[in-house]
Amino acid sequence: MLLPGGGYGSDIKEVRHHTIPREILRTLDGSLAGLVRGKAGDANIRRMPENIHKWLHRGRGGGWYNRRWKEEINHIRGGSKGVTEKQIRAIRVQSLEEAAELAKEGSWRRYLHLLANACDKRS
């Protein structure tokens, strides 16, 4: 079974995925960015199979994943800097769950649900 952030063996290439996109982290107030950037026991960067990562970020501006984040942040704060840590963490889980529902391949869907669940436990 695929495990978020865990190893998959030498036959599957892994990349590092920012569950909260770097583009979004750069827009947050410094203190909030520090709370959600990631640390031991609360990782923002998770290892992910490269093919899933490419699918999430396919297209301009970081692809669907980054666009979804921008939509949610703009909806919550209306362009202001008023988003909270709790909201950021909720968007992370929601975005991963939405990606899982969009994934056509069953193993990708399972992986993304597991990753969302792992991130949700940190919320």
Protein backbone atom coordinates (compact mmCIF):
# COMPACT_ATOMS: atom_id res chain seq x y z
CA MET A 1 0.00 0.00 0.00
CA LEU A 2 1.17 3.53 -0.72
CA LEU A 3 1.93 5.53 2.40
CA PRO A 4 2.08 9.34 2.39
CA GLY A 5 5.65 10.45 2.88
CA GLY A 6 6.82 6.85 3.00
CA GLY A 7 8.97 4.86 0.62
CA TYR A 8 7.68 3.09 -2.45
CA GLY A 9 10.76 1.18 -3.54
CA SER A 10 13.33 1.98 -6.18
CA ASP A 11 10.99 1.51 -9.15
CA ILE A 12 8.84 4.59 -8.45
CA LYS A 13 10.39 8.04 -8.68
CA GLU A 14 9.43 10.33 -5.82
CA VAL A 15 9.42 14.11 -5.60
CA ARG A 16 8.79 16.53 -2.77
CA HIS A 17 5.32 18.09 -2.78
CA HIS A 18 4.44 21.21 -0.80
CA THR A 19 0.97 20.44 0.58
CA ILE A 20 0.64 24.19 1.11
CA PRO A 21 2.10 25.59 -2.13
CA ARG A 22 5.18 27.82 -1.91
CA GLU A 23 3.29 30.41 -3.93
CA ILE A 24 0.66 30.56 -1.18
CA LEU A 25 3.21 30.57 1.66
CA ARG A 26 4.80 33.68 0.13
CA THR A 27 1.47 35.56 0.35
CA LEU A 28 0.82 34.83 4.03
CA ASP A 29 1.77 37.10 6.90
CA GLY A 30 5.16 36.09 8.30
CA SER A 31 3.87 34.76 11.62
CA LEU A 32 1.15 32.68 9.95
CA ALA A 33 3.55 31.34 7.33
CA GLY A 34 5.85 30.25 10.15
CA LEU A 35 3.01 28.31 11.81
CA VAL A 36 2.07 26.37 8.67
CA ARG A 37 5.40 26.13 6.81
CA GLY A 38 6.14 22.76 8.38
CA LYS A 39 8.28 21.36 11.16
CA ALA A 40 9.03 18.03 12.80
CA GLY A 41 5.76 16.15 13.31
CA ASP A 42 3.85 18.62 11.12
CA ALA A 43 5.40 18.38 7.67
CA ASN A 44 4.33 20.61 4.81
CA ILE A 45 6.57 18.82 2.33
CA ARG A 46 5.57 15.23 1.62
CA ARG A 47 7.21 12.73 -0.69
CA MET A 48 4.92 11.81 -3.54
CA PRO A 49 5.13 9.71 -6.69
CA GLU A 50 6.28 11.98 -9.51
CA ASN A 51 3.38 11.08 -11.81
CA ILE A 52 0.80 12.19 -9.22
CA HIS A 53 2.75 15.39 -8.57
CA LYS A 54 2.88 16.23 -12.28
CA TRP A 55 -0.84 15.61 -12.56
CA LEU A 56 -1.64 17.94 -9.62
CA HIS A 57 0.51 20.75 -11.02
CA ARG A 58 -0.09 20.30 -14.76
CA GLY A 59 -0.66 23.66 -16.43
CA ARG A 60 0.28 27.27 -15.88
CA GLY A 61 0.65 28.83 -12.46
CA GLY A 62 1.13 25.58 -10.58
CA GLY A 63 -1.78 23.80 -12.24
CA TRP A 64 -5.06 22.78 -10.70
CA TYR A 65 -3.66 22.40 -7.18
CA ASN A 66 -2.31 25.94 -6.90
CA ARG A 67 -5.37 27.43 -8.64
CA ARG A 68 -7.64 25.67 -6.16
CA TRP A 69 -5.66 27.12 -3.27
CA LYS A 70 -5.91 30.65 -4.72
CA GLU A 71 -9.66 30.30 -5.18
CA GLU A 72 -10.17 29.22 -1.58
CA ILE A 73 -7.90 31.87 -0.07
CA ASN A 74 -9.52 34.63 -2.12
CA HIS A 75 -12.97 33.38 -1.10
CA ILE A 76 -12.10 33.30 2.60
CA ARG A 77 -10.29 36.56 2.91
CA GLY A 78 -11.47 38.50 -0.12
CA GLY A 79 -7.94 39.59 -0.97
CA SER A 80 -7.03 40.63 2.58
CA LYS A 81 -4.47 39.04 4.89
CA GLY A 82 -7.14 37.80 7.29
CA VAL A 83 -6.93 34.05 6.72
CA THR A 84 -6.26 31.97 9.84
CA GLU A 85 -4.04 28.98 10.54
CA LYS A 86 -7.11 26.79 10.98
CA GLN A 87 -8.44 27.88 7.57
CA ILE A 88 -5.09 27.20 5.87
CA ARG A 89 -4.96 23.72 7.36
CA ALA A 90 -8.57 23.07 6.30
CA ILE A 91 -7.84 24.17 2.71
CA ARG A 92 -4.88 21.77 2.63
CA VAL A 93 -7.07 18.81 3.57
CA GLN A 94 -9.92 19.93 1.30
CA SER A 95 -7.61 20.38 -1.71
CA LEU A 96 -6.10 16.93 -1.28
CA GLU A 97 -9.54 15.35 -0.85
CA GLU A 98 -10.81 17.13 -3.98
CA ALA A 99 -7.76 15.91 -5.89
CA ALA A 100 -8.50 12.37 -4.71
CA GLU A 101 -12.05 12.62 -6.03
CA LEU A 102 -10.76 13.86 -9.41
CA ALA A 103 -8.15 11.11 -9.70
CA LYS A 104 -9.21 8.44 -12.14
CA GLU A 105 -6.71 5.79 -11.08
CA GLY A 106 -7.67 3.94 -7.90
CA SER A 107 -4.17 3.86 -6.42
CA TRP A 108 -3.82 7.63 -6.87
CA ARG A 109 -7.20 8.16 -5.23
CA ARG A 110 -6.21 5.99 -2.25
CA TYR A 111 -2.85 7.73 -1.93
CA LEU A 112 -4.38 11.22 -1.96
CA HIS A 113 -7.04 10.24 0.60
CA LEU A 114 -4.29 8.86 2.87
CA LEU A 115 -2.26 12.04 2.46
CA ALA A 116 -5.29 14.22 3.24
CA ASN A 117 -5.98 12.12 6.33
CA ALA A 118 -2.36 12.45 7.49
CA CYS A 119 -2.54 16.24 7.07
CA ASP A 120 -5.94 16.41 8.78
CA LYS A 121 -4.51 14.83 11.93
CA ARG A 122 -2.15 17.82 12.16
CA SER A 123 -4.99 20.38 11.96
